[in-house]
Every structure is written in structure tokens, then in C-alpha cells.
N, C-alpha and C. Protein backbone atom coordinates (compact mmCIF):
# COMPACT_ATOMS: atom_id res chain seq x y z
N MET A 1 113.94 140.36 100.74
CA MET A 1 112.80 141.40 100.06
C MET A 1 112.45 142.89 100.85
N LYS A 2 111.90 143.34 101.14
CA LYS A 2 111.41 144.26 101.90
C LYS A 2 109.94 144.71 100.08
N LEU A 3 109.00 144.35 101.28
CA LEU A 3 107.86 145.26 99.95
C LEU A 3 107.65 145.87 100.94
N ASP A 4 106.45 147.35 99.89
CA ASP A 4 106.23 148.36 100.05
C ASP A 4 105.11 148.44 101.37
N PRO A 5 104.45 150.06 101.61
CA PRO A 5 104.54 149.31 103.44
C PRO A 5 102.35 148.99 102.69
N ILE A 6 101.51 149.24 102.03
CA ILE A 6 100.72 148.43 101.52
C ILE A 6 100.66 147.29 101.73
N LEU A 7 102.33 146.27 101.24
CA LEU A 7 101.48 144.58 101.28
C LEU A 7 101.92 144.27 102.71
N ALA A 8 102.54 144.94 103.16
CA ALA A 8 103.35 144.72 104.13
C ALA A 8 102.04 144.69 105.55
N LYS A 9 102.38 145.94 105.36
CA LYS A 9 100.37 145.69 105.58
C LYS A 9 99.77 144.74 105.54
N ALA A 10 99.42 144.06 104.52
CA ALA A 10 97.81 143.29 103.94
C ALA A 10 98.73 142.57 104.40
N THR A 11 99.77 141.99 104.16
CA THR A 11 100.76 140.72 105.25
C THR A 11 100.31 140.87 106.43
N ARG A 12 101.14 141.20 107.56
CA ARG A 12 100.94 141.47 108.95
C ARG A 12 98.77 140.72 108.77
N ALA A 13 98.18 141.92 108.45
CA ALA A 13 97.01 141.46 108.59
C ALA A 13 96.23 140.37 107.69
N ALA A 14 97.33 139.03 107.31
CA ALA A 14 96.63 137.82 107.26
C ALA A 14 97.24 137.29 108.13
N GLY A 15 98.15 137.18 108.54
CA GLY A 15 99.42 136.39 108.88
C GLY A 15 98.18 136.57 110.61
N ALA A 16 97.63 137.85 110.91
CA ALA A 16 96.46 138.18 112.19
C ALA A 16 95.00 137.87 111.40
N LYS A 17 94.68 136.84 110.55
CA LYS A 17 93.98 135.41 110.19
C LYS A 17 92.36 136.73 110.28
N LYS A 18 92.90 138.03 109.66
CA LYS A 18 92.44 139.25 109.66
C LYS A 18 92.04 139.72 107.45
N TYR A 19 91.01 138.54 107.17
CA TYR A 19 91.73 138.26 106.01
C TYR A 19 90.65 139.60 104.62
N GLU A 20 89.96 139.46 105.49
CA GLU A 20 88.58 140.84 104.60
C GLU A 20 90.03 142.09 105.26
N GLU A 21 90.60 142.59 106.58
CA GLU A 21 90.84 143.71 106.05
C GLU A 21 92.02 143.70 104.51
N ALA A 22 93.04 142.73 104.77
CA ALA A 22 93.69 142.37 104.38
C ALA A 22 93.20 142.77 102.53
N LEU A 23 92.01 141.29 102.78
CA LEU A 23 92.19 141.55 100.90
C LEU A 23 91.68 143.76 100.64
N LYS A 24 90.92 144.58 101.64
CA LYS A 24 89.91 145.84 101.15
C LYS A 24 91.74 146.80 101.11
N MET A 25 92.69 146.13 101.75
CA MET A 25 93.47 147.08 101.47
C MET A 25 93.84 146.61 99.93
N LEU A 26 94.04 145.52 100.06
CA LEU A 26 94.56 144.94 98.34
C LEU A 26 93.86 144.94 97.03
N GLU A 27 92.79 145.41 97.15
CA GLU A 27 91.96 144.97 95.92
C GLU A 27 91.87 146.95 95.08
N PRO A 28 91.88 147.64 96.37
CA PRO A 28 91.89 148.83 95.66
C PRO A 28 92.93 148.88 94.97
N GLU A 29 94.48 148.32 94.84
CA GLU A 29 95.79 148.93 94.21
C GLU A 29 95.78 147.48 93.21
N GLU A 30 94.47 147.08 92.76
CA GLU A 30 95.26 145.64 92.26
C GLU A 30 95.99 146.16 91.06
N GLN A 31 95.61 147.59 90.10
CA GLN A 31 96.21 148.51 89.42
C GLN A 31 97.75 147.79 89.12
N ARG A 32 97.98 148.75 90.06
CA ARG A 32 99.66 149.14 90.98
C ARG A 32 100.17 148.00 91.21
N TYR A 33 99.64 146.46 91.61
CA TYR A 33 100.26 145.73 91.80
C TYR A 33 99.96 144.72 90.20
N ARG A 34 99.62 144.86 89.33
CA ARG A 34 100.00 144.20 88.75
C ARG A 34 100.75 143.39 88.42
N GLY A 35 100.92 141.69 87.79
CA GLY A 35 102.60 141.48 87.89
C GLY A 35 103.13 141.15 89.52
N SER A 36 102.56 141.53 89.82
CA SER A 36 103.33 141.67 91.46
C SER A 36 102.95 139.93 91.72
N PHE A 37 103.76 138.98 91.94
CA PHE A 37 104.06 137.64 92.58
C PHE A 37 102.64 137.50 93.96
N HIS A 38 103.48 138.69 95.23
CA HIS A 38 103.06 138.94 96.55
C HIS A 38 102.12 138.89 96.53
N TYR A 39 101.98 139.71 95.71
CA TYR A 39 100.00 140.16 95.40
C TYR A 39 99.24 139.32 94.99
N CYS A 40 99.50 138.71 94.09
CA CYS A 40 98.70 137.72 93.51
C CYS A 40 98.42 136.48 95.38
N TYR A 41 99.34 136.02 95.27
CA TYR A 41 99.64 134.43 95.80
C TYR A 41 98.67 135.05 97.32
N LEU A 42 99.17 136.33 98.59
CA LEU A 42 98.24 137.44 99.52
C LEU A 42 97.16 137.35 99.00
N SER A 43 96.13 137.63 98.20
CA SER A 43 95.39 137.45 97.29
C SER A 43 94.42 136.57 97.65
N GLY A 44 94.64 135.46 96.65
CA GLY A 44 95.04 134.35 96.64
C GLY A 44 94.90 133.22 97.84
N VAL A 45 95.45 133.45 98.48
CA VAL A 45 94.95 132.91 100.50
C VAL A 45 94.25 133.99 100.76
N CYS A 46 93.76 135.08 100.83
CA CYS A 46 92.76 135.77 101.11
C CYS A 46 91.50 134.87 100.85
N CYS A 47 91.33 134.87 99.86
CA CYS A 47 90.28 135.00 98.79
C CYS A 47 90.01 133.64 99.49
N LEU A 48 90.54 132.21 99.48
CA LEU A 48 90.86 131.39 99.60
C LEU A 48 89.70 131.21 101.20
N ARG A 49 90.66 131.73 101.95
CA ARG A 49 90.38 131.70 103.53
C ARG A 49 89.20 132.59 103.92
N LEU A 50 88.57 133.08 102.44
CA LEU A 50 87.16 133.59 102.68
C LEU A 50 85.93 133.44 102.23
N GLY A 51 86.15 132.10 101.73
CA GLY A 51 85.11 130.92 100.55
C GLY A 51 84.83 131.90 99.63
N ASP A 52 86.02 132.26 98.90
CA ASP A 52 85.97 133.13 97.72
C ASP A 52 86.38 132.03 97.09
N TYR A 53 86.68 130.83 96.73
CA TYR A 53 86.86 130.46 95.84
C TYR A 53 86.82 130.56 94.15
N THR A 54 86.82 131.37 93.34
CA THR A 54 86.66 131.50 92.61
C THR A 54 87.61 133.00 92.27
N GLY A 55 87.43 133.64 92.97
CA GLY A 55 88.38 135.31 93.33
C GLY A 55 89.85 133.76 93.20
N ALA A 56 89.79 133.27 94.67
CA ALA A 56 91.21 132.51 94.78
C ALA A 56 91.59 132.11 93.80
N LEU A 57 91.30 131.39 93.32
CA LEU A 57 91.39 129.88 91.81
C LEU A 57 92.52 131.83 90.99
N GLU A 58 91.36 132.63 90.67
CA GLU A 58 92.19 133.77 89.46
C GLU A 58 93.68 133.74 89.85
N HIS A 59 93.51 134.27 91.65
CA HIS A 59 95.08 134.95 91.85
C HIS A 59 95.85 134.07 91.93
N PHE A 60 95.61 133.22 92.76
CA PHE A 60 96.83 131.76 92.78
C PHE A 60 97.12 131.26 91.13
N ARG A 61 96.32 131.25 89.56
CA ARG A 61 96.90 131.39 88.56
C ARG A 61 97.77 132.17 88.00
N ASN A 62 97.18 133.40 88.64
CA ASN A 62 98.24 134.58 88.05
C ASN A 62 99.75 135.21 88.56
N ALA A 63 100.00 134.57 90.03
CA ALA A 63 100.67 134.34 90.57
C ALA A 63 101.23 132.76 89.92
N HIS A 64 101.16 131.98 89.87
CA HIS A 64 102.15 130.83 88.93
C HIS A 64 102.22 130.61 87.99
N GLU A 65 101.50 132.35 87.56
CA GLU A 65 101.68 132.48 85.77
C GLU A 65 102.85 133.50 85.78
N ILE A 66 103.03 133.96 87.00
CA ILE A 66 105.13 135.10 87.32
C ILE A 66 105.37 134.43 87.68
N LYS A 67 105.70 133.37 88.59
CA LYS A 67 106.62 133.00 88.95
C LYS A 67 105.90 131.23 88.68
N LYS A 68 106.00 130.88 88.37
CA LYS A 68 106.72 128.52 87.55
C LYS A 68 107.16 128.35 88.79
N GLN A 69 108.74 128.60 89.38
CA GLN A 69 108.88 127.26 89.87
C GLN A 69 108.34 127.71 91.45
N ASN A 70 107.63 128.22 91.57
CA ASN A 70 106.84 128.42 92.74
C ASN A 70 105.73 126.93 93.13
N PRO A 71 106.46 126.77 94.42
CA PRO A 71 105.23 125.37 94.18
C PRO A 71 103.52 126.11 95.64
N LEU A 72 104.32 127.49 95.77
CA LEU A 72 102.68 127.81 96.69
C LEU A 72 101.84 128.27 95.87
N PRO A 73 102.13 128.77 94.74
CA PRO A 73 99.96 129.22 93.41
C PRO A 73 99.93 127.68 93.61
N LEU A 74 100.28 126.15 93.56
CA LEU A 74 99.62 125.56 92.72
C LEU A 74 99.42 124.56 93.74
N LEU A 75 99.94 124.84 95.59
CA LEU A 75 99.93 124.28 96.44
C LEU A 75 98.37 124.97 97.38
N GLY A 76 98.18 126.09 96.47
CA GLY A 76 97.08 126.94 97.15
C GLY A 76 95.88 126.43 96.44
N ILE A 77 95.85 126.48 95.05
CA ILE A 77 95.27 125.18 93.85
C ILE A 77 94.20 124.35 94.62
N ALA A 78 95.11 123.44 94.98
CA ALA A 78 95.85 121.60 95.46
C ALA A 78 94.48 121.99 96.97
N VAL A 79 94.79 123.15 97.48
CA VAL A 79 93.94 123.25 98.76
C VAL A 79 92.64 123.44 98.40
N LEU A 80 92.41 124.63 97.84
CA LEU A 80 90.92 124.86 97.36
C LEU A 80 89.79 123.77 96.37
N TYR A 81 90.23 123.22 95.99
CA TYR A 81 90.08 122.08 95.18
C TYR A 81 89.09 120.86 96.24
N PHE A 82 90.54 120.93 97.20
CA PHE A 82 90.29 119.86 98.77
C PHE A 82 89.03 120.88 99.48
N GLN A 83 88.67 121.51 99.72
CA GLN A 83 88.76 122.40 100.24
C GLN A 83 86.44 121.82 99.47
N ARG A 84 86.71 122.04 98.55
CA ARG A 84 85.26 121.87 98.12
C ARG A 84 85.04 120.70 97.78
N GLY A 85 85.38 119.72 97.84
CA GLY A 85 85.22 118.01 97.88
C GLY A 85 85.62 117.63 96.61
N GLU A 86 86.29 118.47 95.58
CA GLU A 86 86.91 117.70 94.46
C GLU A 86 87.87 116.99 94.46
N MET A 87 88.23 116.01 95.20
CA MET A 87 89.51 115.09 94.94
C MET A 87 90.57 114.63 93.83
N GLY A 88 89.04 114.62 92.67
CA GLY A 88 89.98 114.14 91.64
C GLY A 88 90.51 115.52 91.10
N LYS A 89 90.37 116.54 91.11
CA LYS A 89 91.07 117.94 90.94
C LYS A 89 92.45 118.11 91.65
N THR A 90 91.96 118.03 92.70
CA THR A 90 92.89 117.69 93.55
C THR A 90 94.48 117.48 93.33
N VAL A 91 94.33 116.42 93.53
CA VAL A 91 94.96 114.71 92.68
C VAL A 91 95.56 114.92 91.80
N ASP A 92 94.65 115.06 90.56
CA ASP A 92 95.40 116.20 89.34
C ASP A 92 96.00 116.96 89.81
N PHE A 93 95.15 117.88 89.22
CA PHE A 93 96.27 118.99 89.72
C PHE A 93 97.64 119.09 90.31
């Protein structure tokens, strides 16, 4: 699957651990990418890495709703709870 230029550029920035830069590219395009699994998941990863747990949880949940069969958003949520020290939620989720 070929990504459009904005998602591709944001993915490269996130891959280079430039999470804030990636989010700055993604945030203005939120309406454009409504319903995009890649957008939601990538935004969730960036928010998680920047410590924005509320944003990460929202994006991971949206990604899960779009592709319920994909385990990545659930793993992202588990990592989020683990980083927050909520072990019970990590295991239950």
C-alpha cells in the first residue's frame, strides 16, 4: 500500500524518533484522514512517545474501531497502561 505524501513523510519522521514533528504534520490533516487506520495508529504512537496518554488512547481506540482484526492498536493501549503503571489494566486489556 502506497501512502500519500503527508502520511509517508510523517511516518518517516516518527521512524526517526521525531514524534513532535510527525504530529505537527498530522494534526492539521485530521479531517482529511478521518477513518484512516494508518493516521490514527501513527498519531497514537506519536502521542504515546510524547507522553500524551489521553491523545494516544483516543487515537489507538479509533484505530481499533477502524480495523478490529489488527492487534497493533491493542498493543499500543497495553503499552500505554504499562507506562502509566496501571498493571491491572494492562493485563485485563
